[in-house]
Amino acid sequence: MAGLQASSLDSSRLGAARRVLFVGKSMSRTRCTGALVDALRRHGVEVRWRNLVTWRRWFGMQMAHRLCRAEFERYRPDVVFVFLRDLPLVLMSEFRKQARIVVWCEEALETTDTSIVDYFGHADILCMSNPARFAWLREHGLNNMAFLMSGFSPRYHRPASPQRQVRDVAFIGGPGGQGQRADLLVKLAEEFDVHAFGGQWQSWSGARGKLKIHGAVKNRAYAKVCATSRIVLGVNEVNDSELYCSNRTFLTMACRGFHLTHYVPGLERVFQDGEHLAFFRSGDDAFEKIAAWLPKSEQRARVAAAGHAQVLRYHQYYHRVARILQWLEHGLPRERQPLPPVPAAAAEAVESAGS
């Protein structure tokens, strides 16, 4: 991955973050937004969280924008933290005159167009979990990107109490934009007891075969699925982008599930195959890995425990936010970022707090 270049965050905009206006939808299933807000507060930052999507639904767009402007003027934040595109461009353009803008993007961004370039260009720091898109954004004049993987918060995702494992394989998520996950799961279900948990499966028009379908799960039910499944499968929307992986990787390991996930380039720099989780590289490989790991209950438990310890130490949103706060005060790095992407001080702080 190419090194980060100098960003639009010039010296006149550097400084510690003290008051943050966080704009983002609730994300009730993954708890991503709540976890980011929680992480900012754990770092001692004052945060106000506003859900502009809900405001627009309640009051209409014009009134919602008026309320958001009034909130900004009353609160006078020094940072506006935006989850993906949850703050309209017109407001972002106004707010950045008085505050720094951080945009958090965990999407793979499989397809991109110039409209997103204009939006992302208004950010002082654009945090992205898919660094494969950096080259395209640089070609369009942006140099404010920073690589941060997804993460989790132990406040929302933590292991459930030990329970009897009742299924071979669980997948938590939808069938995939092109049905690629569904194709794999349906084939696996011919050989193994495979269950899919996700809201989009109810409208899936493709063949289900022996695949067992369940509704979407929130954080507590997520932990229960991990506890009651021998293997929790991971299939990203994109599997060929360096270091990009779904937040399910971190959520599953946070819940101490044994995670068998599709390999993405460079993932061995973050997690060790057979030590923290397990990789598969194709559909045929997934069959072989599932068959090999199913009878090894003690080894699966050992790997799940090691994976849980690894994400707890290095991959909380607390660690990601530590990076952001450092960049806001000192500027984006020019060199390649180390992995795991967490300052040692932040890891030590989490451990000393007993998280």
Foldseek 3Di string as FASTA:
>chain_A
DAFAAFAPCDPVQFDFFAEEEEEDACPQAQRQSVQLVVLCVVVVHHYDYDHLVVVCVVPNDVVSVVVVVVVCVVRVGQEYEYEACRDDQVVLQVNVVRHAYEYEELDQCPDDDCVVLSSVQSHQAYEYQFCVCVVVSVVVPGRRYDYDHGAADLVQFAADPADAADFAEEEAEDCEPVSPNQVLQQVLQVPTGYEYEEQNVVVDPDDNHNYHYHYHHHRVVLNVNQNRYQEYEAEANDAAGARRGDNCLNRSLRNLHAYEYEHYHPCCLAPPDLAQHHYAHDSVSVNVVSVVRRVVSVSSSRNSVRNNVSSQQQGRSSQVVVVVSVCSNPNDDRGDAHPPRGDPVSSVVSVVVVD
